[in-house]
Amino acid sequence: MAVRGWFTVRVDLVSGAGLHFAPQPGRIFLVGPSHTFLDLATAIDLGFARWDLSHLHEFRFPDGRCFGIPDDEDPRVVDYDTVRVASQVKRGDRFTYIFDFGANWEHHCQVLASNLDPLEVLGHVPQQPTPIWGWGWIPDQYGRRSYGAEA
């Protein structure tokens, strides 16, 4: 039985904490038709080894759309737990994910492929967006280079 409607999103870490990456580390995520922007944010944070998840974060689109944690002071931010990614993107679309508004970890995202079958791509149907490919050095979110080191 084919399961269609899944797509891939390439996510490249461009900068953060005063650093600019060249080459840029990245991941490709398999995303399902029912996954929300909160689901995708969680997958990106895990895929980029974030362990302190208490920081604000949001998705920003070139046309001004913004998905994240709702804020009375910024009414343009739509609750990312209520919006499915598939309802907002199509193949070729680009958008940005920002994690930690202080350190400003900026990720460039692009929808690569659409209408995929996760059984063919991954061998099973994952419950959450799942990284299926990755490359590059992932920095510690606080700049530490070893266990016990200070940032």
N, C-alpha and C. Protein backbone atom coordinates (compact mmCIF):
# COMPACT_ATOMS: atom_id res chain seq x y z
N MET A 1 0.84 -1.18 0.00
CA MET A 1 0.00 0.00 0.00
C MET A 1 0.88 1.25 0.00
N ALA A 2 0.76 2.08 -0.99
CA ALA A 2 1.56 3.30 -1.10
C ALA A 2 1.00 4.38 -0.17
N VAL A 3 1.91 5.10 0.44
CA VAL A 3 1.56 6.22 1.30
C VAL A 3 2.19 7.45 0.66
N ARG A 4 1.39 8.32 0.09
CA ARG A 4 1.91 9.48 -0.63
C ARG A 4 1.69 10.77 0.15
N GLY A 5 2.19 11.86 -0.40
CA GLY A 5 1.97 13.17 0.21
C GLY A 5 3.11 13.64 1.09
N TRP A 6 4.15 12.85 1.20
CA TRP A 6 5.32 13.24 1.98
C TRP A 6 6.26 14.04 1.10
N PHE A 7 7.13 14.82 1.71
CA PHE A 7 8.07 15.65 0.95
C PHE A 7 9.36 15.81 1.75
N THR A 8 10.41 16.30 1.09
CA THR A 8 11.68 16.53 1.77
C THR A 8 11.95 18.02 1.86
N VAL A 9 12.57 18.39 2.98
CA VAL A 9 12.99 19.76 3.22
C VAL A 9 14.48 19.75 3.55
N ARG A 10 15.24 20.50 2.76
CA ARG A 10 16.66 20.67 3.05
C ARG A 10 16.81 21.84 4.01
N VAL A 11 17.60 21.63 5.07
CA VAL A 11 17.83 22.66 6.07
C VAL A 11 19.33 22.85 6.22
N ASP A 12 19.81 24.07 5.93
CA ASP A 12 21.23 24.41 6.07
C ASP A 12 21.40 25.42 7.19
N LEU A 13 22.36 25.16 8.09
CA LEU A 13 22.68 26.11 9.15
C LEU A 13 23.63 27.15 8.58
N VAL A 14 23.15 28.40 8.50
CA VAL A 14 23.89 29.49 7.87
C VAL A 14 24.76 30.22 8.87
N SER A 15 24.17 30.56 10.03
CA SER A 15 24.91 31.35 11.01
C SER A 15 24.26 31.21 12.38
N GLY A 16 24.97 31.70 13.38
CA GLY A 16 24.46 31.72 14.73
C GLY A 16 25.56 31.98 15.73
N ALA A 17 25.21 32.63 16.82
CA ALA A 17 26.17 32.94 17.90
C ALA A 17 27.40 33.67 17.37
N GLY A 18 27.21 34.52 16.36
CA GLY A 18 28.31 35.29 15.80
C GLY A 18 29.15 34.54 14.79
N LEU A 19 28.78 33.31 14.48
CA LEU A 19 29.53 32.49 13.53
C LEU A 19 28.79 32.44 12.20
N HIS A 20 29.56 32.35 11.10
CA HIS A 20 29.00 32.13 9.76
C HIS A 20 29.68 30.89 9.21
N PHE A 21 28.89 29.97 8.70
CA PHE A 21 29.41 28.67 8.33
C PHE A 21 29.66 28.53 6.83
N ALA A 22 30.86 28.07 6.49
CA ALA A 22 31.22 27.76 5.12
C ALA A 22 32.26 26.64 5.20
N PRO A 23 31.92 25.44 4.81
CA PRO A 23 30.62 25.03 4.29
C PRO A 23 29.56 24.97 5.40
N GLN A 24 28.33 25.01 4.97
CA GLN A 24 27.21 25.00 5.91
C GLN A 24 26.79 23.57 6.22
N PRO A 25 26.69 23.23 7.52
CA PRO A 25 26.16 21.91 7.86
C PRO A 25 24.68 21.85 7.51
N GLY A 26 24.21 20.67 7.18
CA GLY A 26 22.81 20.57 6.80
C GLY A 26 22.21 19.20 7.03
N ARG A 27 20.91 19.16 6.90
CA ARG A 27 20.14 17.93 7.03
C ARG A 27 19.00 17.97 6.02
N ILE A 28 18.59 16.80 5.57
CA ILE A 28 17.39 16.67 4.76
C ILE A 28 16.38 15.89 5.59
N PHE A 29 15.18 16.48 5.73
CA PHE A 29 14.13 15.90 6.55
C PHE A 29 13.00 15.40 5.67
N LEU A 30 12.47 14.24 6.04
CA LEU A 30 11.26 13.71 5.42
C LEU A 30 10.09 14.19 6.27
N VAL A 31 9.15 14.89 5.64
CA VAL A 31 8.04 15.53 6.36
C VAL A 31 6.73 15.00 5.79
N GLY A 32 5.80 14.68 6.69
CA GLY A 32 4.52 14.12 6.28
C GLY A 32 3.41 15.15 6.15
N PRO A 33 2.33 14.77 5.51
CA PRO A 33 1.22 15.70 5.26
C PRO A 33 0.51 16.18 6.54
N SER A 34 0.66 15.47 7.65
CA SER A 34 -0.01 15.88 8.88
C SER A 34 0.92 16.59 9.86
N HIS A 35 2.19 16.71 9.53
CA HIS A 35 3.15 17.32 10.46
C HIS A 35 2.99 18.84 10.50
N THR A 36 3.06 19.37 11.72
CA THR A 36 2.93 20.81 11.93
C THR A 36 4.31 21.47 11.91
N PHE A 37 4.29 22.80 11.91
CA PHE A 37 5.55 23.53 12.00
C PHE A 37 6.23 23.26 13.35
N LEU A 38 5.45 23.02 14.41
CA LEU A 38 6.06 22.64 15.69
C LEU A 38 6.79 21.31 15.54
N ASP A 39 6.19 20.35 14.85
CA ASP A 39 6.86 19.07 14.61
C ASP A 39 8.17 19.27 13.86
N LEU A 40 8.15 20.12 12.83
CA LEU A 40 9.35 20.35 12.04
C LEU A 40 10.41 21.08 12.88
N ALA A 41 10.01 22.05 13.69
CA ALA A 41 10.96 22.75 14.56
C ALA A 41 11.63 21.78 15.51
N THR A 42 10.86 20.87 16.09
CA THR A 42 11.41 19.88 17.01
C THR A 42 12.41 18.98 16.30
N ALA A 43 12.08 18.55 15.08
CA ALA A 43 12.99 17.69 14.32
C ALA A 43 14.28 18.44 13.96
N ILE A 44 14.17 19.70 13.57
CA ILE A 44 15.36 20.48 13.24
C ILE A 44 16.23 20.64 14.47
N ASP A 45 15.62 20.99 15.60
CA ASP A 45 16.41 21.16 16.82
C ASP A 45 17.13 19.87 17.21
N LEU A 46 16.47 18.74 17.11
CA LEU A 46 17.13 17.47 17.41
C LEU A 46 18.20 17.14 16.36
N GLY A 47 17.89 17.40 15.09
CA GLY A 47 18.84 17.11 14.02
C GLY A 47 20.10 17.96 14.07
N PHE A 48 20.01 19.13 14.73
CA PHE A 48 21.16 20.01 14.87
C PHE A 48 21.69 20.01 16.30
N ALA A 49 21.40 18.93 17.04
CA ALA A 49 21.97 18.66 18.37
C ALA A 49 21.68 19.74 19.39
N ARG A 50 20.51 20.33 19.33
CA ARG A 50 20.12 21.30 20.36
C ARG A 50 19.65 20.55 21.59
N TRP A 51 20.13 20.92 22.73
CA TRP A 51 19.72 20.25 23.95
C TRP A 51 19.02 21.20 24.91
N ASP A 52 19.29 22.50 24.84
CA ASP A 52 18.57 23.47 25.65
C ASP A 52 17.47 24.04 24.76
N LEU A 53 16.28 23.50 24.90
CA LEU A 53 15.18 23.83 24.01
C LEU A 53 14.27 24.92 24.55
N SER A 54 14.73 25.66 25.54
CA SER A 54 13.90 26.68 26.18
C SER A 54 13.88 28.00 25.41
N HIS A 55 14.55 28.07 24.27
CA HIS A 55 14.66 29.32 23.52
C HIS A 55 13.51 29.51 22.52
N LEU A 56 13.16 30.77 22.27
CA LEU A 56 12.16 31.07 21.26
C LEU A 56 12.68 30.71 19.87
N HIS A 57 11.76 30.39 18.98
CA HIS A 57 12.13 30.02 17.61
C HIS A 57 10.90 30.20 16.73
N GLU A 58 11.15 30.39 15.42
CA GLU A 58 10.02 30.55 14.50
C GLU A 58 10.46 30.36 13.06
N PHE A 59 9.48 30.10 12.22
CA PHE A 59 9.68 30.00 10.77
C PHE A 59 9.24 31.31 10.14
N ARG A 60 10.06 31.83 9.21
CA ARG A 60 9.74 33.08 8.54
C ARG A 60 9.78 32.86 7.03
N PHE A 61 8.75 33.38 6.36
CA PHE A 61 8.65 33.24 4.91
C PHE A 61 8.89 34.59 4.25
N PRO A 62 9.41 34.59 3.03
CA PRO A 62 9.69 35.86 2.33
C PRO A 62 8.47 36.76 2.18
N ASP A 63 7.27 36.17 2.13
CA ASP A 63 6.06 36.98 1.95
C ASP A 63 5.51 37.54 3.27
N GLY A 64 6.23 37.31 4.39
CA GLY A 64 5.82 37.85 5.67
C GLY A 64 5.13 36.87 6.59
N ARG A 65 4.74 35.69 6.07
CA ARG A 65 4.13 34.69 6.95
C ARG A 65 5.15 34.29 8.02
N CYS A 66 4.64 34.02 9.22
CA CYS A 66 5.51 33.66 10.33
C CYS A 66 4.78 32.65 11.22
N PHE A 67 5.45 31.53 11.51
CA PHE A 67 4.86 30.47 12.33
C PHE A 67 5.76 30.20 13.52
N GLY A 68 5.20 30.29 14.72
CA GLY A 68 5.97 30.07 15.93
C GLY A 68 5.06 30.07 17.13
N ILE A 69 5.60 30.50 18.25
CA ILE A 69 4.83 30.60 19.49
C ILE A 69 4.08 31.92 19.45
N PRO A 70 2.75 31.88 19.55
CA PRO A 70 1.96 33.12 19.47
C PRO A 70 2.41 34.14 20.53
N ASP A 71 2.35 35.41 20.13
CA ASP A 71 2.81 36.49 21.00
C ASP A 71 1.85 37.67 20.84
N ASP A 72 1.27 38.10 21.95
CA ASP A 72 0.33 39.23 21.90
C ASP A 72 0.98 40.49 21.33
N GLU A 73 2.29 40.63 21.49
CA GLU A 73 2.99 41.82 21.01
C GLU A 73 3.33 41.73 19.52
N ASP A 74 3.21 40.54 18.93
CA ASP A 74 3.50 40.37 17.51
C ASP A 74 2.41 39.51 16.88
N PRO A 75 1.30 40.13 16.48
CA PRO A 75 0.15 39.37 15.97
C PRO A 75 0.40 38.65 14.65
N ARG A 76 1.50 38.93 13.97
CA ARG A 76 1.77 38.25 12.70
C ARG A 76 2.21 36.80 12.91
N VAL A 77 2.62 36.44 14.13
CA VAL A 77 3.08 35.08 14.41
C VAL A 77 1.88 34.16 14.62
N VAL A 78 1.74 33.17 13.73
CA VAL A 78 0.66 32.19 13.80
C VAL A 78 1.15 30.99 14.60
N ASP A 79 0.29 30.44 15.44
CA ASP A 79 0.64 29.30 16.29
C ASP A 79 1.10 28.12 15.44
N TYR A 80 2.36 27.76 15.58
CA TYR A 80 2.95 26.72 14.73
C TYR A 80 2.49 25.32 15.08
N ASP A 81 1.77 25.17 16.18
CA ASP A 81 1.24 23.87 16.55
C ASP A 81 -0.10 23.59 15.86
N THR A 82 -0.65 24.60 15.18
CA THR A 82 -1.96 24.44 14.55
C THR A 82 -1.89 24.43 13.02
N VAL A 83 -0.71 24.62 12.46
CA VAL A 83 -0.59 24.74 11.00
C VAL A 83 0.29 23.61 10.46
N ARG A 84 -0.27 22.86 9.52
CA ARG A 84 0.50 21.80 8.87
C ARG A 84 1.45 22.40 7.83
N VAL A 85 2.66 21.92 7.83
CA VAL A 85 3.68 22.41 6.89
C VAL A 85 3.19 22.22 5.45
N ALA A 86 2.62 21.06 5.17
CA ALA A 86 2.18 20.73 3.81
C ALA A 86 1.14 21.72 3.27
N SER A 87 0.41 22.37 4.17
CA SER A 87 -0.61 23.33 3.72
C SER A 87 -0.01 24.67 3.32
N GLN A 88 1.27 24.88 3.62
CA GLN A 88 1.88 26.17 3.40
C GLN A 88 3.03 26.17 2.39
N VAL A 89 3.50 24.99 2.00
CA VAL A 89 4.67 24.93 1.12
C VAL A 89 4.41 24.04 -0.09
N LYS A 90 5.23 24.27 -1.10
CA LYS A 90 5.25 23.40 -2.28
C LYS A 90 6.71 23.25 -2.72
N ARG A 91 6.93 22.35 -3.62
CA ARG A 91 8.29 22.08 -4.11
C ARG A 91 8.95 23.37 -4.59
N GLY A 92 10.18 23.59 -4.14
CA GLY A 92 10.95 24.76 -4.53
C GLY A 92 10.84 25.93 -3.56
N ASP A 93 9.84 25.92 -2.67
CA ASP A 93 9.69 27.02 -1.72
C ASP A 93 10.88 27.11 -0.77
N ARG A 94 11.20 28.35 -0.40
CA ARG A 94 12.29 28.62 0.54
C ARG A 94 11.74 29.43 1.71
N PHE A 95 12.27 29.14 2.89
CA PHE A 95 11.89 29.87 4.09
C PHE A 95 13.02 29.74 5.10
N THR A 96 12.91 30.44 6.22
CA THR A 96 13.97 30.48 7.22
C THR A 96 13.44 29.99 8.56
N TYR A 97 14.29 29.27 9.27
CA TYR A 97 13.99 28.87 10.65
C TYR A 97 15.03 29.54 11.54
N ILE A 98 14.55 30.27 12.54
CA ILE A 98 15.42 30.93 13.51
C ILE A 98 15.24 30.25 14.86
N PHE A 99 16.33 29.84 15.48
CA PHE A 99 16.31 29.26 16.82
C PHE A 99 17.11 30.16 17.74
N ASP A 100 16.55 30.51 18.88
CA ASP A 100 17.19 31.33 19.91
C ASP A 100 17.41 32.75 19.37
N PHE A 101 16.46 33.61 19.66
CA PHE A 101 16.50 34.98 19.13
C PHE A 101 17.71 35.77 19.62
N GLY A 102 18.36 35.33 20.70
CA GLY A 102 19.59 35.98 21.16
C GLY A 102 20.79 35.56 20.34
N ALA A 103 21.01 34.25 20.22
CA ALA A 103 22.13 33.73 19.43
C ALA A 103 21.81 33.74 17.93
N ASN A 104 20.52 33.77 17.61
CA ASN A 104 20.06 33.89 16.22
C ASN A 104 20.63 32.81 15.30
N TRP A 105 20.38 31.54 15.66
CA TRP A 105 20.80 30.44 14.80
C TRP A 105 19.88 30.44 13.58
N GLU A 106 20.41 30.80 12.43
CA GLU A 106 19.61 30.94 11.20
C GLU A 106 19.80 29.74 10.28
N HIS A 107 18.68 29.15 9.90
CA HIS A 107 18.67 27.99 9.01
C HIS A 107 17.89 28.35 7.75
N HIS A 108 18.46 28.07 6.60
CA HIS A 108 17.74 28.25 5.35
C HIS A 108 17.12 26.91 4.96
N CYS A 109 15.85 26.94 4.63
CA CYS A 109 15.09 25.74 4.33
C CYS A 109 14.57 25.80 2.90
N GLN A 110 14.56 24.65 2.23
CA GLN A 110 14.01 24.57 0.88
C GLN A 110 13.31 23.23 0.70
N VAL A 111 12.09 23.28 0.16
CA VAL A 111 11.35 22.05 -0.14
C VAL A 111 11.95 21.47 -1.42
N LEU A 112 12.49 20.25 -1.33
CA LEU A 112 13.19 19.64 -2.47
C LEU A 112 12.30 18.77 -3.34
N ALA A 113 11.60 17.86 -2.73
CA ALA A 113 10.80 16.90 -3.49
C ALA A 113 9.44 16.75 -2.82
N SER A 114 8.46 16.35 -3.61
CA SER A 114 7.12 16.21 -3.06
C SER A 114 6.48 14.92 -3.54
N ASN A 115 5.37 14.58 -2.89
CA ASN A 115 4.58 13.39 -3.21
C ASN A 115 5.42 12.11 -3.11
N LEU A 116 6.21 12.03 -2.05
CA LEU A 116 7.04 10.85 -1.82
C LEU A 116 6.29 9.82 -0.99
N ASP A 117 6.74 8.58 -1.08
CA ASP A 117 6.22 7.48 -0.27
C ASP A 117 7.28 7.15 0.78
N PRO A 118 6.99 7.38 2.08
CA PRO A 118 8.01 7.13 3.10
C PRO A 118 8.45 5.66 3.17
N LEU A 119 7.58 4.74 2.74
CA LEU A 119 7.96 3.33 2.72
C LEU A 119 9.09 3.09 1.72
N GLU A 120 9.05 3.80 0.60
CA GLU A 120 10.11 3.68 -0.39
C GLU A 120 11.38 4.41 0.04
N VAL A 121 11.21 5.57 0.69
CA VAL A 121 12.35 6.41 1.08
C VAL A 121 13.03 5.88 2.33
N LEU A 122 12.24 5.50 3.34
CA LEU A 122 12.76 5.20 4.67
C LEU A 122 12.53 3.76 5.11
N GLY A 123 11.56 3.08 4.50
CA GLY A 123 11.24 1.72 4.88
C GLY A 123 10.13 1.60 5.91
N HIS A 124 9.69 2.73 6.45
CA HIS A 124 8.56 2.76 7.38
C HIS A 124 7.96 4.17 7.37
N VAL A 125 6.82 4.32 8.04
CA VAL A 125 6.16 5.61 8.12
C VAL A 125 6.47 6.21 9.49
N PRO A 126 7.33 7.23 9.56
CA PRO A 126 7.68 7.80 10.85
C PRO A 126 6.55 8.66 11.43
N GLN A 127 6.52 8.75 12.74
CA GLN A 127 5.50 9.55 13.43
C GLN A 127 5.80 11.04 13.34
N GLN A 128 7.07 11.40 13.24
CA GLN A 128 7.51 12.79 13.23
C GLN A 128 8.40 13.04 12.02
N PRO A 129 8.60 14.31 11.63
CA PRO A 129 9.59 14.59 10.59
C PRO A 129 10.92 13.96 10.99
N THR A 130 11.60 13.39 10.01
CA THR A 130 12.78 12.57 10.29
C THR A 130 13.94 12.95 9.39
N PRO A 131 15.13 13.16 9.97
CA PRO A 131 16.29 13.40 9.11
C PRO A 131 16.65 12.12 8.36
N ILE A 132 16.87 12.25 7.05
CA ILE A 132 17.22 11.08 6.25
C ILE A 132 18.61 11.22 5.61
N TRP A 133 19.22 12.39 5.77
CA TRP A 133 20.56 12.62 5.24
C TRP A 133 21.14 13.81 5.98
N GLY A 134 22.45 13.83 6.14
CA GLY A 134 23.06 14.96 6.81
C GLY A 134 24.53 15.08 6.50
N TRP A 135 25.09 16.25 6.77
CA TRP A 135 26.50 16.51 6.51
C TRP A 135 26.97 17.67 7.39
N GLY A 136 28.26 17.74 7.58
CA GLY A 136 28.88 18.88 8.23
C GLY A 136 28.99 18.80 9.73
N TRP A 137 29.80 19.70 10.26
CA TRP A 137 30.08 19.82 11.68
C TRP A 137 28.98 20.64 12.33
N ILE A 138 28.38 20.11 13.40
CA ILE A 138 27.31 20.79 14.12
C ILE A 138 27.90 21.44 15.37
N PRO A 139 27.84 22.77 15.46
CA PRO A 139 28.41 23.45 16.64
C PRO A 139 27.53 23.29 17.86
N ASP A 140 28.15 23.31 19.04
CA ASP A 140 27.41 23.34 20.28
C ASP A 140 26.65 24.66 20.35
N GLN A 141 25.42 24.64 20.81
CA GLN A 141 24.62 25.87 20.79
C GLN A 141 25.17 26.95 21.70
N TYR A 142 26.08 26.61 22.61
CA TYR A 142 26.71 27.62 23.47
C TYR A 142 28.19 27.79 23.17
N GLY A 143 28.67 27.20 22.09
CA GLY A 143 30.05 27.40 21.66
C GLY A 143 31.09 26.57 22.39
N ARG A 144 30.67 25.59 23.16
CA ARG A 144 31.65 24.75 23.86
C ARG A 144 32.29 23.76 22.89
N ARG A 145 33.55 23.49 23.11
CA ARG A 145 34.27 22.55 22.23
C ARG A 145 34.51 21.19 22.88
N SER A 146 34.28 21.09 24.21
CA SER A 146 34.45 19.81 24.86
C SER A 146 33.61 19.77 26.14
N TYR A 147 33.44 18.58 26.67
CA TYR A 147 32.68 18.39 27.91
C TYR A 147 33.34 19.17 29.04
N GLY A 148 32.57 19.93 29.78
CA GLY A 148 33.09 20.68 30.91
C GLY A 148 33.69 22.03 30.55
N ALA A 149 33.83 22.31 29.26
CA ALA A 149 34.42 23.59 28.83
C ALA A 149 33.39 24.71 28.97
N GLU A 150 33.87 25.91 29.24
CA GLU A 150 33.01 27.08 29.32
C GLU A 150 32.83 27.66 27.94
N ALA A 151 31.69 28.28 27.71
CA ALA A 151 31.42 28.91 26.41
C ALA A 151 32.23 30.18 26.26
